[in-house]
Amino acid sequence: LLSGLRDGAGPEYALRFAESPMDWLEPLLAG
């Protein structure tokens, strides 16, 4: 997952994803 984000969106997005999992998990589970 992180290598795909790194290669596709950039390393800053991969790091942000890994450092703050609740930032992407909450919207995924919301609704």
PDB file of all heavy atoms in Angstrom:
ATOM      1  N   LEU A   1       0.829  -1.201   0.000  1.00  0.00           N
ATOM      2  CA  LEU A   1       0.000   0.000   0.000  1.00  0.00           C
ATOM      3  C   LEU A   1       0.869   1.258   0.000  1.00  0.00           C
ATOM      4  O   LEU A   1       0.662   2.172  -0.805  1.00  0.00           O
ATOM      5  CB  LEU A   1      -0.924  -0.004   1.211  1.00  0.00           C
ATOM      6  CG  LEU A   1      -1.892   1.148   1.329  1.00  0.00           C
ATOM      7  CD1 LEU A   1      -2.866   1.167   0.167  1.00  0.00           C
ATOM      8  CD2 LEU A   1      -2.641   1.067   2.635  1.00  0.00           C
ATOM      9  N   LEU A   2       1.860   1.306   0.875  1.00  0.00           N
ATOM     10  CA  LEU A   2       2.711   2.494   0.952  1.00  0.00           C
ATOM     11  C   LEU A   2       3.593   2.650  -0.281  1.00  0.00           C
ATOM     12  O   LEU A   2       3.797   3.765  -0.754  1.00  0.00           O
ATOM     13  CB  LEU A   2       3.564   2.464   2.217  1.00  0.00           C
ATOM     14  CG  LEU A   2       2.787   2.585   3.529  1.00  0.00           C
ATOM     15  CD1 LEU A   2       3.751   2.603   4.706  1.00  0.00           C
ATOM     16  CD2 LEU A   2       1.889   3.799   3.535  1.00  0.00           C
ATOM     17  N   SER A   3       4.103   1.554  -0.821  1.00  0.00           N
ATOM     18  CA  SER A   3       4.932   1.682  -2.030  1.00  0.00           C
ATOM     19  C   SER A   3       4.072   2.130  -3.211  1.00  0.00           C
ATOM     20  O   SER A   3       4.525   2.910  -4.050  1.00  0.00           O
ATOM     21  CB  SER A   3       5.681   0.391  -2.347  1.00  0.00           C
ATOM     22  OG  SER A   3       4.787  -0.651  -2.646  1.00  0.00           O
ATOM     23  N   GLY A   4       2.814   1.682  -3.282  1.00  0.00           N
ATOM     24  CA  GLY A   4       1.915   2.144  -4.340  1.00  0.00           C
ATOM     25  C   GLY A   4       1.592   3.618  -4.206  1.00  0.00           C
ATOM     26  O   GLY A   4       1.587   4.359  -5.201  1.00  0.00           O
ATOM     27  N   LEU A   5       1.328   4.069  -2.981  1.00  0.00           N
ATOM     28  CA  LEU A   5       1.089   5.498  -2.757  1.00  0.00           C
ATOM     29  C   LEU A   5       2.330   6.316  -3.076  1.00  0.00           C
ATOM     30  O   LEU A   5       2.250   7.379  -3.694  1.00  0.00           O
ATOM     31  CB  LEU A   5       0.675   5.748  -1.306  1.00  0.00           C
ATOM     32  CG  LEU A   5      -0.782   5.568  -0.964  1.00  0.00           C
ATOM     33  CD1 LEU A   5      -0.992   5.671   0.545  1.00  0.00           C
ATOM     34  CD2 LEU A   5      -1.642   6.590  -1.684  1.00  0.00           C
ATOM     35  N   ARG A   6       3.471   5.817  -2.642  1.00  0.00           N
ATOM     36  CA  ARG A   6       4.730   6.519  -2.905  1.00  0.00           C
ATOM     37  C   ARG A   6       4.949   6.707  -4.403  1.00  0.00           C
ATOM     38  O   ARG A   6       5.265   7.799  -4.864  1.00  0.00           O
ATOM     39  CB  ARG A   6       5.900   5.729  -2.309  1.00  0.00           C
ATOM     40  CG  ARG A   6       7.271   6.355  -2.568  1.00  0.00           C
ATOM     41  CD  ARG A   6       8.390   5.352  -2.364  1.00  0.00           C
ATOM     42  NE  ARG A   6       8.258   4.275  -3.340  1.00  0.00           N
ATOM     43  CZ  ARG A   6       8.565   3.006  -3.097  1.00  0.00           C
ATOM     44  NH1 ARG A   6       9.015   2.640  -1.929  1.00  0.00           N
ATOM     45  NH2 ARG A   6       8.429   2.100  -4.033  1.00  0.00           N
ATOM     46  N   ASP A   7       4.756   5.633  -5.160  1.00  0.00           N
ATOM     47  CA  ASP A   7       5.002   5.688  -6.598  1.00  0.00           C
ATOM     48  C   ASP A   7       3.915   6.449  -7.350  1.00  0.00           C
ATOM     49  O   ASP A   7       4.187   7.083  -8.361  1.00  0.00           O
ATOM     50  CB  ASP A   7       5.121   4.272  -7.176  1.00  0.00           C
ATOM     51  CG  ASP A   7       6.320   3.518  -6.619  1.00  0.00           C
ATOM     52  OD1 ASP A   7       7.212   4.155  -6.023  1.00  0.00           O
ATOM     53  OD2 ASP A   7       6.350   2.280  -6.763  1.00  0.00           O
ATOM     54  N   GLY A   8       2.675   6.381  -6.852  1.00  0.00           N
ATOM     55  CA  GLY A   8       1.566   7.009  -7.557  1.00  0.00           C
ATOM     56  C   GLY A   8       1.328   8.460  -7.180  1.00  0.00           C
ATOM     57  O   GLY A   8       1.188   9.323  -8.048  1.00  0.00           O
ATOM     58  N   ALA A   9       1.270   8.729  -5.883  1.00  0.00           N
ATOM     59  CA  ALA A   9       0.930  10.077  -5.421  1.00  0.00           C
ATOM     60  C   ALA A   9       2.136  10.833  -4.879  1.00  0.00           C
ATOM     61  O   ALA A   9       2.146  12.056  -4.886  1.00  0.00           O
ATOM     62  CB  ALA A   9      -0.148   9.996  -4.345  1.00  0.00           C
ATOM     63  N   GLY A  10       3.126  10.110  -4.397  1.00  0.00           N
ATOM     64  CA  GLY A  10       4.318  10.746  -3.846  1.00  0.00           C
ATOM     65  C   GLY A  10       4.564  10.310  -2.419  1.00  0.00           C
ATOM     66  O   GLY A  10       3.636   9.904  -1.709  1.00  0.00           O
ATOM     67  N   PRO A  11       5.813  10.378  -1.980  1.00  0.00           N
ATOM     68  CA  PRO A  11       6.161   9.899  -0.636  1.00  0.00           C
ATOM     69  C   PRO A  11       5.468  10.659   0.488  1.00  0.00           C
ATOM     70  O   PRO A  11       5.183  10.084   1.533  1.00  0.00           O
ATOM     71  CB  PRO A  11       7.679  10.058  -0.568  1.00  0.00           C
ATOM     72  CG  PRO A  11       8.056  10.941  -1.689  1.00  0.00           C
ATOM     73  CD  PRO A  11       6.985  10.846  -2.715  1.00  0.00           C
ATOM     74  N   GLU A  12       5.164  11.941   0.283  1.00  0.00           N
ATOM     75  CA  GLU A  12       4.506  12.707   1.343  1.00  0.00           C
ATOM     76  C   GLU A  12       3.108  12.163   1.632  1.00  0.00           C
ATOM     77  O   GLU A  12       2.658  12.151   2.769  1.00  0.00           O
ATOM     78  CB  GLU A  12       4.456  14.203   1.020  1.00  0.00           C
ATOM     79  CG  GLU A  12       3.642  14.569  -0.191  1.00  0.00           C
ATOM     80  CD  GLU A  12       4.368  14.442  -1.533  1.00  0.00           C
ATOM     81  OE1 GLU A  12       5.533  13.994  -1.591  1.00  0.00           O
ATOM     82  OE2 GLU A  12       3.748  14.788  -2.549  1.00  0.00           O
ATOM     83  N   TYR A  13       2.421  11.665   0.597  1.00  0.00           N
ATOM     84  CA  TYR A  13       1.091  11.080   0.798  1.00  0.00           C
ATOM     85  C   TYR A  13       1.191   9.720   1.484  1.00  0.00           C
ATOM     86  O   TYR A  13       0.369   9.388   2.331  1.00  0.00           O
ATOM     87  CB  TYR A  13       0.352  10.949  -0.531  1.00  0.00           C
ATOM     88  CG  TYR A  13      -0.061  12.290  -1.075  1.00  0.00           C
ATOM     89  CD1 TYR A  13       0.714  12.932  -2.032  1.00  0.00           C
ATOM     90  CD2 TYR A  13      -1.203  12.922  -0.608  1.00  0.00           C
ATOM     91  CE1 TYR A  13       0.350  14.177  -2.524  1.00  0.00           C
ATOM     92  CE2 TYR A  13      -1.573  14.173  -1.095  1.00  0.00           C
ATOM     93  CZ  TYR A  13      -0.795  14.786  -2.047  1.00  0.00           C
ATOM     94  OH  TYR A  13      -1.147  16.021  -2.520  1.00  0.00           O
ATOM     95  N   ALA A  14       2.193   8.947   1.119  1.00  0.00           N
ATOM     96  CA  ALA A  14       2.390   7.645   1.759  1.00  0.00           C
ATOM     97  C   ALA A  14       2.698   7.833   3.247  1.00  0.00           C
ATOM     98  O   ALA A  14       2.134   7.125   4.097  1.00  0.00           O
ATOM     99  CB  ALA A  14       3.507   6.878   1.068  1.00  0.00           C
ATOM    100  N   LEU A  15       3.547   8.783   3.572  1.00  0.00           N
ATOM    101  CA  LEU A  15       3.878   9.046   4.972  1.00  0.00           C
ATOM    102  C   LEU A  15       2.660   9.547   5.736  1.00  0.00           C
ATOM    103  O   LEU A  15       2.403   9.109   6.861  1.00  0.00           O
ATOM    104  CB  LEU A  15       5.013  10.069   5.071  1.00  0.00           C
ATOM    105  CG  LEU A  15       6.400   9.532   4.775  1.00  0.00           C
ATOM    106  CD1 LEU A  15       7.405  10.670   4.643  1.00  0.00           C
ATOM    107  CD2 LEU A  15       6.846   8.561   5.848  1.00  0.00           C
ATOM    108  N   ARG A  16       1.897  10.437   5.140  1.00  0.00           N
ATOM    109  CA  ARG A  16       0.707  10.966   5.811  1.00  0.00           C
ATOM    110  C   ARG A  16      -0.305   9.852   6.072  1.00  0.00           C
ATOM    111  O   ARG A  16      -0.924   9.803   7.123  1.00  0.00           O
ATOM    112  CB  ARG A  16       0.081  12.084   4.982  1.00  0.00           C
ATOM    113  CG  ARG A  16      -0.963  12.861   5.767  1.00  0.00           C
ATOM    114  CD  ARG A  16      -1.325  14.142   5.110  1.00  0.00           C
ATOM    115  NE  ARG A  16      -2.146  13.846   3.938  1.00  0.00           N
ATOM    116  CZ  ARG A  16      -2.384  14.708   2.977  1.00  0.00           C
ATOM    117  NH1 ARG A  16      -1.851  15.904   2.998  1.00  0.00           N
ATOM    118  NH2 ARG A  16      -3.159  14.372   1.962  1.00  0.00           N
ATOM    119  N   PHE A  17      -0.463   8.959   5.106  1.00  0.00           N
ATOM    120  CA  PHE A  17      -1.372   7.816   5.259  1.00  0.00           C
ATOM    121  C   PHE A  17      -0.954   6.961   6.453  1.00  0.00           C
ATOM    122  O   PHE A  17      -1.774   6.584   7.277  1.00  0.00           O
ATOM    123  CB  PHE A  17      -1.356   6.986   3.972  1.00  0.00           C
ATOM    124  CG  PHE A  17      -2.259   5.792   4.001  1.00  0.00           C
ATOM    125  CD1 PHE A  17      -3.552   5.873   3.525  1.00  0.00           C
ATOM    126  CD2 PHE A  17      -1.807   4.584   4.503  1.00  0.00           C
ATOM    127  CE1 PHE A  17      -4.392   4.769   3.554  1.00  0.00           C
ATOM    128  CE2 PHE A  17      -2.643   3.471   4.538  1.00  0.00           C
ATOM    129  CZ  PHE A  17      -3.935   3.577   4.063  1.00  0.00           C
ATOM    130  N   ALA A  18       0.342   6.658   6.555  1.00  0.00           N
ATOM    131  CA  ALA A  18       0.847   5.762   7.600  1.00  0.00           C
ATOM    132  C   ALA A  18       0.891   6.431   8.975  1.00  0.00           C
ATOM    133  O   ALA A  18       0.662   5.766   9.984  1.00  0.00           O
ATOM    134  CB  ALA A  18       2.232   5.259   7.227  1.00  0.00           C
ATOM    135  N   GLU A  19       1.164   7.721   9.016  1.00  0.00           N
ATOM    136  CA  GLU A  19       1.279   8.422  10.294  1.00  0.00           C
ATOM    137  C   GLU A  19      -0.070   8.761  10.911  1.00  0.00           C
ATOM    138  O   GLU A  19      -0.168   8.938  12.119  1.00  0.00           O
ATOM    139  CB  GLU A  19       2.099   9.700  10.118  1.00  0.00           C
ATOM    140  CG  GLU A  19       3.558   9.429   9.823  1.00  0.00           C
ATOM    141  CD  GLU A  19       4.343  10.670   9.435  1.00  0.00           C
ATOM    142  OE1 GLU A  19       3.717  11.693   9.050  1.00  0.00           O
ATOM    143  OE2 GLU A  19       5.580  10.615   9.509  1.00  0.00           O
ATOM    144  N   SER A  20      -1.103   8.868  10.085  1.00  0.00           N
ATOM    145  CA  SER A  20      -2.430   9.270  10.574  1.00  0.00           C
ATOM    146  C   SER A  20      -3.518   8.366  10.005  1.00  0.00           C
ATOM    147  O   SER A  20      -4.356   8.812   9.220  1.00  0.00           O
ATOM    148  CB  SER A  20      -2.703  10.725  10.189  1.00  0.00           C
ATOM    149  OG  SER A  20      -1.715  11.578  10.690  1.00  0.00           O
ATOM    150  N   PRO A  21      -3.535   7.103  10.408  1.00  0.00           N
ATOM    151  CA  PRO A  21      -4.519   6.190   9.819  1.00  0.00           C
ATOM    152  C   PRO A  21      -5.968   6.587  10.094  1.00  0.00           C
ATOM    153  O   PRO A  21      -6.851   6.295   9.290  1.00  0.00           O
ATOM    154  CB  PRO A  21      -4.185   4.832  10.421  1.00  0.00           C
ATOM    155  CG  PRO A  21      -3.282   5.096  11.553  1.00  0.00           C
ATOM    156  CD  PRO A  21      -2.650   6.425  11.346  1.00  0.00           C
ATOM    157  N   MET A  22      -6.245   7.279  11.181  1.00  0.00           N
ATOM    158  CA  MET A  22      -7.628   7.678  11.460  1.00  0.00           C
ATOM    159  C   MET A  22      -8.128   8.711  10.450  1.00  0.00           C
ATOM    160  O   MET A  22      -9.331   8.802  10.215  1.00  0.00           O
ATOM    161  CB  MET A  22      -7.764   8.215  12.886  1.00  0.00           C
ATOM    162  CG  MET A  22      -7.684   7.126  13.936  1.00  0.00           C
ATOM    163  SD  MET A  22      -8.813   5.719  13.697  1.00  0.00           S
ATOM    164  CE  MET A  22     -10.393   6.497  13.921  1.00  0.00           C
ATOM    165  N   ASP A  23      -7.230   9.476   9.836  1.00  0.00           N
ATOM    166  CA  ASP A  23      -7.653  10.475   8.849  1.00  0.00           C
ATOM    167  C   ASP A  23      -8.322   9.838   7.638  1.00  0.00           C
ATOM    168  O   ASP A  23      -9.189  10.442   7.023  1.00  0.00           O
ATOM    169  CB  ASP A  23      -6.466  11.324   8.380  1.00  0.00           C
ATOM    170  CG  ASP A  23      -5.971  12.278   9.448  1.00  0.00           C
ATOM    171  OD1 ASP A  23      -6.668  12.442  10.474  1.00  0.00           O
ATOM    172  OD2 ASP A  23      -4.896  12.866   9.256  1.00  0.00           O
ATOM    173  N   TRP A  24      -7.918   8.638   7.265  1.00  0.00           N
ATOM    174  CA  TRP A  24      -8.562   7.953   6.128  1.00  0.00           C
ATOM    175  C   TRP A  24      -9.553   6.902   6.587  1.00  0.00           C
ATOM    176  O   TRP A  24     -10.489   6.561   5.887  1.00  0.00           O
ATOM    177  CB  TRP A  24      -7.526   7.344   5.181  1.00  0.00           C
ATOM    178  CG  TRP A  24      -6.603   6.361   5.825  1.00  0.00           C
ATOM    179  CD1 TRP A  24      -5.372   6.618   6.362  1.00  0.00           C
ATOM    180  CD2 TRP A  24      -6.849   4.971   6.037  1.00  0.00           C
ATOM    181  NE1 TRP A  24      -4.842   5.468   6.896  1.00  0.00           N
ATOM    182  CE2 TRP A  24      -5.719   4.439   6.701  1.00  0.00           C
ATOM    183  CE3 TRP A  24      -7.896   4.109   5.725  1.00  0.00           C
ATOM    184  CZ2 TRP A  24      -5.616   3.107   7.060  1.00  0.00           C
ATOM    185  CZ3 TRP A  24      -7.795   2.769   6.086  1.00  0.00           C
ATOM    186  CH2 TRP A  24      -6.663   2.294   6.746  1.00  0.00           C
ATOM    187  N   LEU A  25      -9.364   6.385   7.803  1.00  0.00           N
ATOM    188  CA  LEU A  25     -10.250   5.335   8.289  1.00  0.00           C
ATOM    189  C   LEU A  25     -11.634   5.878   8.652  1.00  0.00           C
ATOM    190  O   LEU A  25     -12.644   5.252   8.330  1.00  0.00           O
ATOM    191  CB  LEU A  25      -9.609   4.639   9.489  1.00  0.00           C
ATOM    192  CG  LEU A  25     -10.306   3.405  10.011  1.00  0.00           C
ATOM    193  CD1 LEU A  25     -10.391   2.330   8.926  1.00  0.00           C
ATOM    194  CD2 LEU A  25      -9.576   2.859  11.225  1.00  0.00           C
ATOM    195  N   GLU A  26     -11.694   7.035   9.300  1.00  0.00           N
ATOM    196  CA  GLU A  26     -12.985   7.599   9.701  1.00  0.00           C
ATOM    197  C   GLU A  26     -13.918   7.825   8.508  1.00  0.00           C
ATOM    198  O   GLU A  26     -15.071   7.402   8.547  1.00  0.00           O
ATOM    199  CB  GLU A  26     -12.777   8.873  10.507  1.00  0.00           C
ATOM    200  CG  GLU A  26     -12.320   8.589  11.924  1.00  0.00           C
ATOM    201  CD  GLU A  26     -12.025   9.843  12.720  1.00  0.00           C
ATOM    202  OE1 GLU A  26     -11.963  10.947  12.131  1.00  0.00           O
ATOM    203  OE2 GLU A  26     -11.863   9.718  13.946  1.00  0.00           O
ATOM    204  N   PRO A  27     -13.463   8.482   7.418  1.00  0.00           N
ATOM    205  CA  PRO A  27     -14.373   8.647   6.271  1.00  0.00           C
ATOM    206  C   PRO A  27     -14.763   7.312   5.628  1.00  0.00           C
ATOM    207  O   PRO A  27     -15.872   7.168   5.110  1.00  0.00           O
ATOM    208  CB  PRO A  27     -13.586   9.504   5.281  1.00  0.00           C
ATOM    209  CG  PRO A  27     -12.487  10.119   6.054  1.00  0.00           C
ATOM    210  CD  PRO A  27     -12.223   9.226   7.223  1.00  0.00           C
ATOM    211  N   LEU A  28     -13.871   6.355   5.665  1.00  0.00           N
ATOM    212  CA  LEU A  28     -14.164   5.041   5.094  1.00  0.00           C
ATOM    213  C   LEU A  28     -15.310   4.354   5.833  1.00  0.00           C
ATOM    214  O   LEU A  28     -16.173   3.726   5.228  1.00  0.00           O
ATOM    215  CB  LEU A  28     -12.909   4.157   5.136  1.00  0.00           C
ATOM    216  CG  LEU A  28     -13.039   2.739   4.605  1.00  0.00           C
ATOM    217  CD1 LEU A  28     -13.226   2.772   3.087  1.00  0.00           C
ATOM    218  CD2 LEU A  28     -11.806   1.929   4.957  1.00  0.00           C
ATOM    219  N   LEU A  29     -15.333   4.516   7.141  1.00  0.00           N
ATOM    220  CA  LEU A  29     -16.355   3.862   7.957  1.00  0.00           C
ATOM    221  C   LEU A  29     -17.591   4.729   8.174  1.00  0.00           C
ATOM    222  O   LEU A  29     -18.594   4.267   8.706  1.00  0.00           O
ATOM    223  CB  LEU A  29     -15.758   3.464   9.310  1.00  0.00           C
ATOM    224  CG  LEU A  29     -14.629   2.446   9.252  1.00  0.00           C
ATOM    225  CD1 LEU A  29     -14.031   2.234  10.636  1.00  0.00           C
ATOM    226  CD2 LEU A  29     -15.099   1.138   8.659  1.00  0.00           C
ATOM    227  N   ALA A  30     -17.545   5.997   7.773  1.00  0.00           N
ATOM    228  CA  ALA A  30     -18.667   6.926   7.989  1.00  0.00           C
ATOM    229  C   ALA A  30     -19.743   6.743   6.924  1.00  0.00           C
ATOM    230  O   ALA A  30     -19.575   6.018   5.953  1.00  0.00           O
ATOM    231  CB  ALA A  30     -18.142   8.359   7.968  1.00  0.00           C
ATOM    232  N   GLY A  31     -20.818   7.446   7.128  1.00  0.00           N
ATOM    233  CA  GLY A  31     -21.896   7.409   6.153  1.00  0.00           C
ATOM    234  C   GLY A  31     -22.961   6.428   6.566  1.00  0.00           C
ATOM    235  O   GLY A  31     -23.830   6.735   7.357  1.00  0.00           O
TER     236      GLY A  31
END
